[in-house]
């Protein structure tokens, strides 16, 4: 019950922060969607980092390390640290310049202008919504599983196992996040992200120290792994070299995240990006190293000869099981649980808000008579769509969940497949609307095909003969594991190049607008 009370107090504190941020907001769409383009270096960094470090980073990485070992750090964190910063510099700053200069609020507005096409918006809108949905599911599944694992025994006789059931915990998290973005918009999300990023970094380091201490120190915890599951300490034990290499394409996804695009446009100036570009890799290391090590240790951690994390445990609950069983202080357990929820909610808010933003600006206002819609009505249109998306995502989360890590990889795969589009739009003058639409259709078509072959997210990689059916599965030399992101990016890039070269080039006016 103490754990539950601590988590409840944290959520109330977060709600209060959202209400406070509303006191500084103006009743305009510019302020609700972009905070008046007034966010400085610190808040921008905290927003970008908090938004990218989701349940995937804490709950997902520890659960995947529990299953596959230390190599999980190399799969995502090592590449992400460098690639994210490179994308912020090469793509984020460029798009900020265009957004500032031409008044863009969403990606679709930029692409419509860049490709002189209204239809690109109609193609992109359902694709972006479809790809954000699994990202939202990651947060909802992780929040429900975490609250359930942390509150066992808190409510005996009320719920099974005396714990807050996942459906209820998820519902509460949805209500909290929706409430503070209702009040503060993107400013409320930025404030909340800054606060929550500080919370989960500090408490994550504390959790690492406390769990390590409870297991007798890092050396003893590692020795237990060497004694029982030494393969988890070998990078290549469960991860092939080719799979490892193709994972490097996954972090390109940040270039097409609609919620990151929205945060980029909130920057006060180009100088606001400096801190994010420099500090992002360091902070990724601070978050991922402890989580991956905790996951590896969990595979063999024992107390009095009994596994702390039973073999049948779900990967999504590994971190919270360790916290609950190893720490003596209910208050500390509650605080660490709040840290996990902070990481989850620091991305949920931006994702919910970005969907409301693109629906309002790219569908309603684009096709309706904007002069007849007041600022207040525009904000309420966004809020209404947010509620609809939250409801749909919540209902989907009630079905049998898959592991957080593979689901996240599929989400990132989809956005990475669209990266050639945004990169070419900035650096290749000859890119046309035909090439752009061909690239998007190819990417989403192949993504859906491979996702269905993977039993809708149950696994995230394939053997090469599954990708290329003409290769014989009996050939051992060709039975290598590959991430679907590689063939999808290759095909979407080819579609973009061929479509652009086979169609008329952009007008001189458009070329001058974006390249001179």
Protein backbone atom coordinates (compact mmCIF):
# COMPACT_ATOMS: atom_id res chain seq x y z
CA UNK A 1 0.00 0.00 0.00
CA UNK A 2 2.92 2.35 0.70
CA UNK A 3 4.23 1.75 -2.81
CA UNK A 4 0.81 2.53 -4.24
CA UNK A 5 0.52 5.74 -2.22
CA UNK A 6 3.96 6.95 -3.34
CA UNK A 7 3.08 6.34 -7.01
CA UNK A 8 -0.28 8.10 -6.55
CA UNK A 9 1.46 11.12 -4.99
CA UNK A 10 3.87 11.27 -7.92
CA UNK A 11 1.01 11.26 -10.41
CA UNK A 12 -0.75 14.04 -8.48
CA UNK A 13 2.47 16.07 -8.52
CA UNK A 14 2.67 15.62 -12.28
CA UNK A 15 -0.92 16.78 -12.70
CA UNK A 16 -0.13 19.87 -10.62
CA UNK A 17 2.84 20.65 -12.85
CA UNK A 18 0.60 20.44 -15.92
CA UNK A 19 -1.93 22.80 -14.38
CA UNK A 20 0.86 25.21 -13.39
CA UNK A 21 2.25 25.25 -16.94
CA UNK A 22 -1.19 26.35 -18.18
CA UNK A 23 -0.81 29.58 -16.19
CA UNK A 24 2.02 30.58 -18.53
CA UNK A 25 0.19 29.54 -21.70
CA UNK A 26 -1.60 31.83 -24.10
CA UNK A 27 -4.93 30.84 -25.58
CA UNK A 28 -3.53 30.51 -29.09
CA UNK A 29 -2.88 27.55 -31.36
CA UNK A 30 0.77 28.63 -31.72
CA UNK A 31 1.25 28.34 -27.97
CA UNK A 32 -0.72 25.10 -27.60
CA UNK A 33 1.07 23.34 -30.48
CA UNK A 34 4.54 24.98 -30.43
CA UNK A 35 4.84 26.90 -27.11
CA UNK A 36 5.25 30.07 -29.16
CA UNK A 37 8.60 28.72 -30.47
CA UNK A 38 10.16 29.83 -27.18
CA UNK A 39 11.81 26.68 -25.78
CA UNK A 40 15.46 27.15 -24.77
CA UNK A 41 18.40 24.68 -24.81
CA UNK A 42 17.72 22.92 -21.49
CA UNK A 43 13.99 22.34 -21.98
CA UNK A 44 14.56 21.32 -25.62
CA UNK A 45 17.18 18.76 -24.63
CA UNK A 46 15.04 17.37 -21.85
CA UNK A 47 12.04 17.16 -24.19
CA UNK A 48 13.97 15.42 -26.96
CA UNK A 49 15.78 13.03 -24.66
CA UNK A 50 12.73 12.26 -22.52
CA UNK A 51 10.65 11.65 -25.63
CA UNK A 52 13.16 9.19 -27.13
CA UNK A 53 13.87 7.37 -23.85
CA UNK A 54 10.58 5.55 -23.56
CA UNK A 55 9.42 2.36 -21.90
CA UNK A 56 11.53 0.79 -24.63
CA UNK A 57 14.69 2.11 -22.96
CA UNK A 58 13.92 1.11 -19.37
CA UNK A 59 11.39 -1.72 -19.35
CA UNK A 60 12.16 -2.98 -22.86
CA UNK A 61 15.96 -2.99 -22.65
CA UNK A 62 16.08 -4.74 -19.28
CA UNK A 63 13.55 -7.34 -20.45
CA UNK A 64 15.40 -7.94 -23.73
CA UNK A 65 18.76 -8.20 -21.92
CA UNK A 66 17.13 -10.76 -19.62
CA UNK A 67 16.30 -12.80 -22.73
CA UNK A 68 19.27 -12.13 -25.03
CA UNK A 69 22.14 -10.79 -22.96
CA UNK A 70 24.64 -7.95 -22.90
CA UNK A 71 24.63 -7.52 -26.68
CA UNK A 72 21.31 -5.65 -26.43
CA UNK A 73 23.28 -2.52 -25.50
CA UNK A 74 25.16 -2.68 -28.76
CA UNK A 75 22.01 -3.30 -30.75
CA UNK A 76 20.37 0.00 -29.91
CA UNK A 77 22.15 2.25 -27.42
CA UNK A 78 25.64 2.45 -28.92
CA UNK A 79 24.33 3.31 -32.40
CA UNK A 80 21.51 5.51 -31.14
CA UNK A 81 23.83 7.79 -29.22
CA UNK A 82 25.72 8.76 -32.36
CA UNK A 83 22.95 8.50 -34.97
CA UNK A 84 20.36 10.47 -32.98
CA UNK A 85 22.74 13.39 -32.55
CA UNK A 86 23.68 13.26 -36.24
CA UNK A 87 19.99 13.34 -37.23
CA UNK A 88 19.32 16.26 -34.86
CA UNK A 89 22.12 18.17 -36.61
CA UNK A 90 21.52 17.15 -40.25
CA UNK A 91 17.71 16.99 -40.23
CA UNK A 92 16.32 18.62 -37.08
CA UNK A 93 18.11 21.96 -37.43
CA UNK A 94 17.27 22.19 -41.15
CA UNK A 95 13.59 21.53 -40.51
CA UNK A 96 13.59 24.06 -37.68
CA UNK A 97 14.88 26.69 -40.12
CA UNK A 98 12.10 25.89 -42.62
CA UNK A 99 9.49 25.80 -39.85
CA UNK A 100 10.58 29.15 -38.46
CA UNK A 101 10.79 30.75 -41.91
CA UNK A 102 7.54 29.44 -43.38
CA UNK A 103 5.42 28.93 -40.26
CA UNK A 104 5.11 25.14 -40.31
CA UNK A 105 3.55 23.30 -37.40
CA UNK A 106 3.66 19.72 -38.71
CA UNK A 107 5.71 17.47 -41.00
CA UNK A 108 2.88 17.21 -43.50
CA UNK A 109 2.77 21.00 -43.98
CA UNK A 110 6.47 20.92 -44.83
CA UNK A 111 6.15 17.98 -47.25
CA UNK A 112 3.13 19.53 -48.99
CA UNK A 113 5.15 22.67 -49.71
CA UNK A 114 8.37 20.87 -50.56
CA UNK A 115 6.72 18.52 -53.07
CA UNK A 116 4.04 20.93 -54.33
CA UNK A 117 1.47 18.26 -53.59
CA UNK A 118 -1.72 18.10 -51.60
CA UNK A 119 -1.97 14.34 -52.03
CA UNK A 120 1.27 13.69 -50.11
CA UNK A 121 -0.58 14.80 -46.98
CA UNK A 122 -3.43 12.36 -47.56
CA UNK A 123 -0.90 9.55 -48.00
CA UNK A 124 1.26 10.48 -45.01
CA UNK A 125 -1.47 11.16 -42.45
CA UNK A 126 -2.78 7.56 -42.09
CA UNK A 127 0.78 6.22 -42.31
CA UNK A 128 2.02 8.42 -39.44
CA UNK A 129 -1.00 7.55 -37.28
CA UNK A 130 -0.53 3.84 -38.02
CA UNK A 131 3.16 3.96 -37.05
CA UNK A 132 2.64 6.00 -33.88
CA UNK A 133 0.02 3.55 -32.56
CA UNK A 134 2.55 0.77 -31.71
CA UNK A 135 4.73 3.45 -30.09
CA UNK A 136 1.79 4.36 -27.86
CA UNK A 137 1.14 0.68 -27.15
CA UNK A 138 4.69 0.31 -25.87
CA UNK A 139 4.01 2.89 -23.17
CA UNK A 140 0.59 1.56 -22.22
CA UNK A 141 1.71 -2.07 -22.01
CA UNK A 142 4.76 -1.17 -19.94
CA UNK A 143 2.84 1.11 -17.56
CA UNK A 144 0.17 -1.52 -16.88
CA UNK A 145 2.73 -4.29 -16.35
CA UNK A 146 4.91 -2.09 -14.10
CA UNK A 147 2.09 -0.93 -11.83
CA UNK A 148 0.78 -4.51 -11.53
CA UNK A 149 4.22 -5.88 -10.55
CA UNK A 150 4.92 -3.06 -8.07
CA UNK A 151 1.58 -3.14 -6.23
CA UNK A 152 1.18 -6.88 -5.55
CA UNK A 153 -0.29 -7.29 -2.10
CA UNK A 154 -1.41 -3.68 -1.81
CA UNK A 155 -5.12 -4.42 -2.27
CA UNK A 156 -5.79 -7.94 -0.97
CA UNK A 157 -9.29 -9.17 -1.65
CA UNK A 158 -9.97 -6.33 -4.09
CA UNK A 159 -8.09 -7.55 -7.18
CA UNK A 160 -6.29 -10.74 -8.14
CA UNK A 161 -2.87 -10.97 -6.46
CA UNK A 162 -3.90 -7.90 -4.49
CA UNK A 163 -2.41 -5.71 -7.23
CA UNK A 164 -3.74 -2.93 -9.40
CA UNK A 165 -4.62 -4.84 -12.61
CA UNK A 166 -2.89 -3.77 -15.85
CA UNK A 167 -6.14 -2.50 -17.37
CA UNK A 168 -6.71 -0.11 -14.46
CA UNK A 169 -3.10 1.05 -14.17
CA UNK A 170 -3.01 1.77 -17.89
CA UNK A 171 -6.28 3.70 -17.69
CA UNK A 172 -4.97 5.88 -14.85
CA UNK A 173 -1.77 6.69 -16.77
CA UNK A 174 -3.81 7.64 -19.85
CA UNK A 175 -6.00 9.97 -17.78
CA UNK A 176 -3.02 11.67 -16.12
CA UNK A 177 -1.16 12.26 -19.39
CA UNK A 178 -4.25 13.50 -21.24
CA UNK A 179 -5.12 15.87 -18.38
CA UNK A 180 -1.82 17.74 -18.27
CA UNK A 181 -1.50 18.07 -22.05
CA UNK A 182 -5.11 19.31 -22.13
CA UNK A 183 -4.11 22.13 -19.81
CA UNK A 184 -0.62 22.99 -21.05
CA UNK A 185 -0.32 21.68 -24.62
CA UNK A 186 3.26 21.30 -25.86
CA UNK A 187 4.49 23.62 -23.09
CA UNK A 188 2.93 21.34 -20.48
CA UNK A 189 4.51 18.33 -22.21
CA UNK A 190 7.93 20.06 -22.26
CA UNK A 191 7.74 20.95 -18.57
CA UNK A 192 6.55 17.47 -17.67
CA UNK A 193 9.25 15.88 -19.83
CA UNK A 194 11.99 17.93 -18.18
CA UNK A 195 10.77 16.97 -14.72
CA UNK A 196 10.24 13.32 -15.60
CA UNK A 197 13.59 13.01 -17.37
CA UNK A 198 15.35 14.22 -14.23
CA UNK A 199 13.28 11.79 -12.17
CA UNK A 200 13.96 8.68 -14.20
CA UNK A 201 17.68 9.40 -14.69
CA UNK A 202 18.30 10.02 -10.98
CA UNK A 203 16.09 7.18 -9.78
CA UNK A 204 17.47 4.87 -12.47
CA UNK A 205 20.99 5.37 -11.14
CA UNK A 206 19.69 4.84 -7.58
CA UNK A 207 17.89 1.65 -8.66
CA UNK A 208 21.06 0.34 -10.28
CA UNK A 209 23.08 0.97 -7.14
CA UNK A 210 20.46 -0.52 -4.81
CA UNK A 211 19.87 -3.64 -6.93
CA UNK A 212 23.62 -4.15 -7.33
CA UNK A 213 24.09 -3.79 -3.56
CA UNK A 214 21.24 -6.21 -2.81
CA UNK A 215 22.87 -8.82 -5.07
CA UNK A 216 26.20 -8.48 -3.24
CA UNK A 217 27.79 -6.02 -5.66
CA UNK A 218 28.29 -5.89 -9.40
CA UNK A 219 31.10 -8.48 -9.33
CA UNK A 220 29.03 -11.07 -7.46
CA UNK A 221 25.95 -10.44 -9.61
CA UNK A 222 28.06 -10.96 -12.74
CA UNK A 223 29.62 -14.12 -11.29
CA UNK A 224 26.14 -15.58 -10.81
CA UNK A 225 25.47 -14.99 -14.50
CA UNK A 226 28.80 -16.61 -15.41
CA UNK A 227 27.87 -19.62 -13.32
CA UNK A 228 24.34 -20.12 -14.66
CA UNK A 229 23.96 -18.34 -18.03
CA UNK A 230 27.43 -17.33 -19.28
CA UNK A 231 26.18 -17.02 -22.85
CA UNK A 232 24.32 -13.84 -21.87
CA UNK A 233 27.66 -12.10 -21.32
CA UNK A 234 28.85 -12.86 -24.86
CA UNK A 235 27.77 -10.29 -27.43
CA UNK A 236 27.28 -12.79 -30.23
CA UNK A 237 25.64 -15.59 -28.24
CA UNK A 238 22.06 -14.66 -29.18
CA UNK A 239 22.77 -11.95 -31.76
CA UNK A 240 24.36 -12.66 -35.14
CA UNK A 241 26.83 -10.23 -36.68
CA UNK A 242 24.55 -9.45 -39.61
CA UNK A 243 21.56 -8.83 -37.34
CA UNK A 244 23.77 -6.56 -35.23
CA UNK A 245 24.84 -4.61 -38.33
CA UNK A 246 21.34 -4.14 -39.71
CA UNK A 247 20.14 -2.86 -36.32
CA UNK A 248 22.24 0.23 -37.03
CA UNK A 249 19.49 1.47 -39.35
CA UNK A 250 16.82 1.47 -36.63
CA UNK A 251 17.91 4.77 -34.92
CA UNK A 252 17.31 6.65 -38.18
CA UNK A 253 13.66 6.56 -37.11
CA UNK A 254 14.09 9.78 -35.09
CA UNK A 255 14.30 11.70 -38.35
CA UNK A 256 10.63 10.95 -39.09
CA UNK A 257 9.04 10.89 -35.62
CA UNK A 258 6.19 13.43 -35.84
CA UNK A 259 6.45 14.18 -32.11
CA UNK A 260 10.17 15.00 -32.42
CA UNK A 261 9.44 17.23 -35.41
CA UNK A 262 6.99 19.15 -33.25
CA UNK A 263 9.53 19.50 -30.44
CA UNK A 264 12.19 20.68 -32.92
CA UNK A 265 9.89 23.48 -34.03
CA UNK A 266 9.47 24.72 -30.44
CA UNK A 267 13.15 25.74 -30.28
CA UNK A 268 13.82 29.42 -29.64
CA UNK A 269 16.86 29.46 -31.94
CA UNK A 270 19.27 27.16 -33.78
CA UNK A 271 21.66 27.48 -30.82
CA UNK A 272 19.09 25.66 -28.69
CA UNK A 273 20.08 22.43 -30.49
CA UNK A 274 23.70 22.48 -29.29
CA UNK A 275 23.08 20.91 -25.90
CA UNK A 276 20.92 18.14 -27.40
CA UNK A 277 23.53 17.25 -30.03
CA UNK A 278 26.40 17.13 -27.52
CA UNK A 279 24.73 15.63 -24.44
CA UNK A 280 22.37 13.08 -26.04
CA UNK A 281 24.93 10.24 -26.42
CA UNK A 282 26.16 10.65 -22.85
CA UNK A 283 22.67 10.51 -21.38
CA UNK A 284 21.74 7.48 -23.48
CA UNK A 285 24.69 5.68 -21.90
CA UNK A 286 23.57 6.76 -18.41
CA UNK A 287 20.15 5.19 -18.97
CA UNK A 288 20.92 2.10 -21.04
CA UNK A 289 24.02 0.71 -19.30
CA UNK A 290 22.29 0.23 -15.90
CA UNK A 291 19.10 -1.17 -17.46
CA UNK A 292 20.92 -3.71 -19.64
CA UNK A 293 23.14 -4.85 -16.76
CA UNK A 294 20.11 -5.20 -14.49
CA UNK A 295 18.38 -7.33 -17.12
CA UNK A 296 21.41 -9.61 -17.48
CA UNK A 297 21.79 -9.97 -13.72
CA UNK A 298 18.06 -10.77 -13.39
CA UNK A 299 18.54 -13.93 -15.44
CA UNK A 300 20.58 -15.56 -12.66
CA UNK A 301 19.96 -13.48 -9.52
CA UNK A 302 19.25 -15.73 -6.53
CA UNK A 303 18.35 -15.35 -2.89
CA UNK A 304 18.74 -18.45 -0.69
CA UNK A 305 19.06 -20.60 -3.78
CA UNK A 306 15.82 -19.33 -5.36
CA UNK A 307 15.66 -17.26 -8.51
CA UNK A 308 14.54 -13.70 -7.80
CA UNK A 309 12.90 -13.53 -11.24
CA UNK A 310 11.19 -16.89 -11.95
CA UNK A 311 11.86 -18.40 -15.38
CA UNK A 312 8.23 -18.04 -16.42
CA UNK A 313 8.18 -14.27 -15.79
CA UNK A 314 7.28 -11.90 -18.61
CA UNK A 315 10.15 -9.80 -19.89
CA UNK A 316 8.04 -6.64 -19.48
CA UNK A 317 8.00 -7.15 -15.69
CA UNK A 318 11.66 -8.04 -15.04
CA UNK A 319 12.75 -4.60 -13.81
CA UNK A 320 9.80 -4.09 -11.50
CA UNK A 321 10.05 -7.64 -10.07
CA UNK A 322 13.67 -7.01 -9.11
CA UNK A 323 12.84 -3.69 -7.49
CA UNK A 324 9.93 -5.13 -5.51
CA UNK A 325 11.75 -8.25 -4.29
CA UNK A 326 15.22 -6.91 -3.56
CA UNK A 327 14.55 -3.59 -1.84
CA UNK A 328 13.42 -3.46 1.76
CA UNK A 329 11.99 0.07 1.69
CA UNK A 330 8.42 0.41 0.32
CA UNK A 331 8.98 4.17 -0.02
CA UNK A 332 12.09 3.64 -2.14
CA UNK A 333 10.32 0.97 -4.17
CA UNK A 334 7.50 3.41 -4.82
CA UNK A 335 9.92 6.14 -5.88
CA UNK A 336 11.74 3.81 -8.24
CA UNK A 337 8.38 2.72 -9.64
CA UNK A 338 7.57 6.39 -10.20
CA UNK A 339 10.87 6.69 -12.08
CA UNK A 340 9.82 3.90 -14.44
CA UNK A 341 6.46 5.58 -15.02
CA UNK A 342 8.25 8.89 -15.61
CA UNK A 343 10.18 7.37 -18.50
CA UNK A 344 6.98 5.93 -19.94
CA UNK A 345 4.89 9.10 -19.66
CA UNK A 346 7.65 11.40 -20.93
CA UNK A 347 7.03 10.03 -24.41
CA UNK A 348 3.31 9.26 -24.26
CA UNK A 349 2.39 12.93 -23.85
CA UNK A 350 4.31 14.09 -26.93
CA UNK A 351 2.95 11.24 -29.04
CA UNK A 352 -0.67 11.90 -28.06
CA UNK A 353 -0.24 15.62 -28.68
CA UNK A 354 1.45 15.25 -32.08
CA UNK A 355 -1.46 13.18 -33.39
CA UNK A 356 -3.94 15.83 -32.28
CA UNK A 357 -1.74 18.47 -33.91
CA UNK A 358 -1.49 16.82 -37.33
CA UNK A 359 -5.20 15.96 -37.38
CA UNK A 360 -6.17 19.56 -36.57
CA UNK A 361 -3.71 21.28 -38.91
CA UNK A 362 -3.40 18.81 -41.77
CA UNK A 363 -6.95 17.50 -42.05
CA UNK A 364 -9.49 19.84 -40.42
CA UNK A 365 -7.92 23.26 -40.98
CA UNK A 366 -6.43 22.33 -44.34
CA UNK A 367 -9.75 21.35 -45.86
CA UNK A 368 -12.17 23.53 -43.88
CA UNK A 369 -12.63 27.30 -43.89
CA UNK A 370 -10.10 28.22 -41.20
CA UNK A 371 -11.49 31.73 -40.85
CA UNK A 372 -14.69 30.28 -39.37
CA UNK A 373 -12.85 28.32 -36.67
CA UNK A 374 -11.66 30.16 -33.56
CA UNK A 375 -8.44 29.44 -31.68
CA UNK A 376 -10.38 27.83 -28.86
CA UNK A 377 -12.23 25.57 -31.31
CA UNK A 378 -8.95 24.53 -32.96
CA UNK A 379 -7.51 23.51 -29.61
CA UNK A 380 -10.65 21.52 -28.77
CA UNK A 381 -10.54 19.75 -32.13
CA UNK A 382 -7.02 18.60 -31.25
CA UNK A 383 -8.15 17.51 -27.80
CA UNK A 384 -11.06 15.55 -29.26
CA UNK A 385 -8.82 13.62 -31.63
CA UNK A 386 -6.37 12.94 -28.78
CA UNK A 387 -9.18 11.39 -26.74
CA UNK A 388 -10.19 9.23 -29.71
CA UNK A 389 -6.62 7.98 -30.24
CA UNK A 390 -6.17 7.31 -26.52
CA UNK A 391 -9.39 5.30 -26.47
CA UNK A 392 -8.41 3.20 -29.51
CA UNK A 393 -4.90 2.53 -28.19
CA UNK A 394 -6.21 1.66 -24.73
CA UNK A 395 -8.66 -0.90 -26.13
CA UNK A 396 -5.89 -2.50 -28.23
CA UNK A 397 -3.66 -2.72 -25.12
CA UNK A 398 -6.29 -4.85 -23.36
CA UNK A 399 -5.61 -7.76 -25.70
CA UNK A 400 -2.78 -10.23 -25.09
CA UNK A 401 0.37 -8.10 -25.17
CA UNK A 402 3.63 -8.83 -26.95
CA UNK A 403 7.03 -7.95 -25.49
CA UNK A 404 7.82 -4.25 -25.41
CA UNK A 405 11.20 -4.52 -27.15
CA UNK A 406 10.10 -6.29 -30.39
CA UNK A 407 7.02 -4.05 -30.67
CA UNK A 408 9.24 -0.98 -30.34
CA UNK A 409 11.63 -2.29 -32.97
CA UNK A 410 8.73 -2.67 -35.41
CA UNK A 411 7.59 0.87 -34.72
CA UNK A 412 11.12 2.22 -35.29
CA UNK A 413 11.47 0.09 -38.42
CA UNK A 414 8.47 1.82 -39.98
CA UNK A 415 9.76 5.31 -39.25
CA UNK A 416 13.31 4.40 -40.35
CA UNK A 417 11.86 3.25 -43.68
CA UNK A 418 10.59 6.81 -44.22
CA UNK A 419 13.96 8.40 -43.43
CA UNK A 420 15.08 8.45 -47.11
CA UNK A 421 12.07 10.69 -47.79
CA UNK A 422 12.95 13.41 -45.28
CA UNK A 423 16.68 13.25 -45.99
CA UNK A 424 16.20 13.53 -49.77
CA UNK A 425 13.70 16.35 -49.35
CA UNK A 426 16.41 18.39 -47.63
CA UNK A 427 19.50 17.48 -49.64
CA UNK A 428 18.36 16.37 -53.13
CA UNK A 429 16.79 19.08 -55.27
CA UNK A 430 15.54 16.59 -57.84
CA UNK A 431 13.21 14.78 -55.41
CA UNK A 432 9.61 14.98 -56.66
CA UNK A 433 6.13 14.25 -55.35
CA UNK A 434 5.95 11.09 -57.49
CA UNK A 435 9.15 9.79 -55.92
CA UNK A 436 7.97 10.83 -52.44
CA UNK A 437 4.61 9.08 -52.73
CA UNK A 438 6.21 5.99 -54.27
CA UNK A 439 8.68 5.84 -51.38
CA UNK A 440 5.97 6.15 -48.71
CA UNK A 441 3.68 3.56 -50.33
CA UNK A 442 6.58 1.12 -50.81
CA UNK A 443 7.78 1.55 -47.23
CA UNK A 444 4.41 1.08 -45.55
CA UNK A 445 3.41 -1.78 -47.89
CA UNK A 446 6.57 -3.75 -47.14
CA UNK A 447 6.35 -2.89 -43.43
CA UNK A 448 2.83 -4.32 -43.20
CA UNK A 449 3.89 -7.40 -45.17
CA UNK A 450 6.81 -8.21 -42.88
CA UNK A 451 4.81 -7.32 -39.76
CA UNK A 452 2.15 -9.88 -40.74
CA UNK A 453 4.87 -12.48 -41.37
CA UNK A 454 6.19 -11.76 -37.87
CA UNK A 455 2.80 -12.60 -36.35
CA UNK A 456 2.08 -8.89 -35.77
CA UNK A 457 5.13 -8.10 -33.69
CA UNK A 458 5.86 -11.43 -31.99
CA UNK A 459 9.37 -11.40 -33.47
CA UNK A 460 11.51 -8.67 -34.99
CA UNK A 461 14.02 -10.44 -37.24
CA UNK A 462 14.02 -13.03 -40.02
CA UNK A 463 16.32 -15.55 -41.62
CA UNK A 464 17.51 -14.41 -45.05
CA UNK A 465 15.49 -17.12 -46.95
CA UNK A 466 12.33 -15.68 -45.34
CA UNK A 467 13.18 -12.28 -46.80
CA UNK A 468 14.38 -13.63 -50.17
CA UNK A 469 12.33 -16.76 -50.96
CA UNK A 470 14.51 -17.69 -53.95
CA UNK A 471 17.37 -18.51 -51.54
CA UNK A 472 17.35 -22.12 -50.42
CA UNK A 473 16.71 -22.53 -46.70
CA UNK A 474 18.84 -25.69 -46.81
CA UNK A 475 21.96 -23.61 -47.50
CA UNK A 476 23.52 -23.10 -44.06
CA UNK A 477 25.78 -20.34 -45.35
CA UNK A 478 22.71 -18.26 -46.26
CA UNK A 479 20.76 -18.83 -43.04
CA UNK A 480 21.75 -15.52 -41.51
CA UNK A 481 19.47 -13.35 -39.41
CA UNK A 482 18.47 -10.00 -40.86
CA UNK A 483 16.32 -7.09 -39.73
CA UNK A 484 13.48 -6.24 -42.16
CA UNK A 485 14.47 -2.56 -41.96
CA UNK A 486 17.31 -3.24 -44.43
CA UNK A 487 15.26 -4.47 -47.41
CA UNK A 488 12.50 -1.93 -46.68
CA UNK A 489 14.91 1.03 -46.66
CA UNK A 490 16.61 -0.22 -49.83
CA UNK A 491 13.29 -0.56 -51.66
CA UNK A 492 11.83 2.75 -50.40
CA UNK A 493 15.03 4.54 -51.46
CA UNK A 494 14.95 2.96 -54.91
CA UNK A 495 11.26 3.87 -55.28
CA UNK A 496 12.07 7.47 -54.35
CA UNK A 497 14.98 7.74 -56.80
CA UNK A 498 13.24 6.01 -59.72
CA UNK A 499 9.96 7.87 -59.17
CA UNK A 500 11.76 11.22 -58.99
CA UNK A 501 13.87 10.65 -62.08
CA UNK A 502 10.88 9.46 -64.12
CA UNK A 503 8.76 12.53 -63.26
CA UNK A 504 9.05 16.24 -63.90
CA UNK A 505 11.48 18.07 -61.58
CA UNK A 506 10.20 20.52 -58.96
CA UNK A 507 9.50 24.07 -60.09
CA UNK A 508 12.24 26.67 -59.92
CA UNK A 509 10.18 28.49 -57.29
CA UNK A 510 10.24 25.45 -54.97
CA UNK A 511 13.94 24.83 -55.55
CA UNK A 512 14.67 28.46 -54.75
CA UNK A 513 12.49 28.30 -51.65
CA UNK A 514 14.26 25.32 -50.07
CA UNK A 515 17.77 25.33 -51.56
CA UNK A 516 18.81 28.96 -51.92
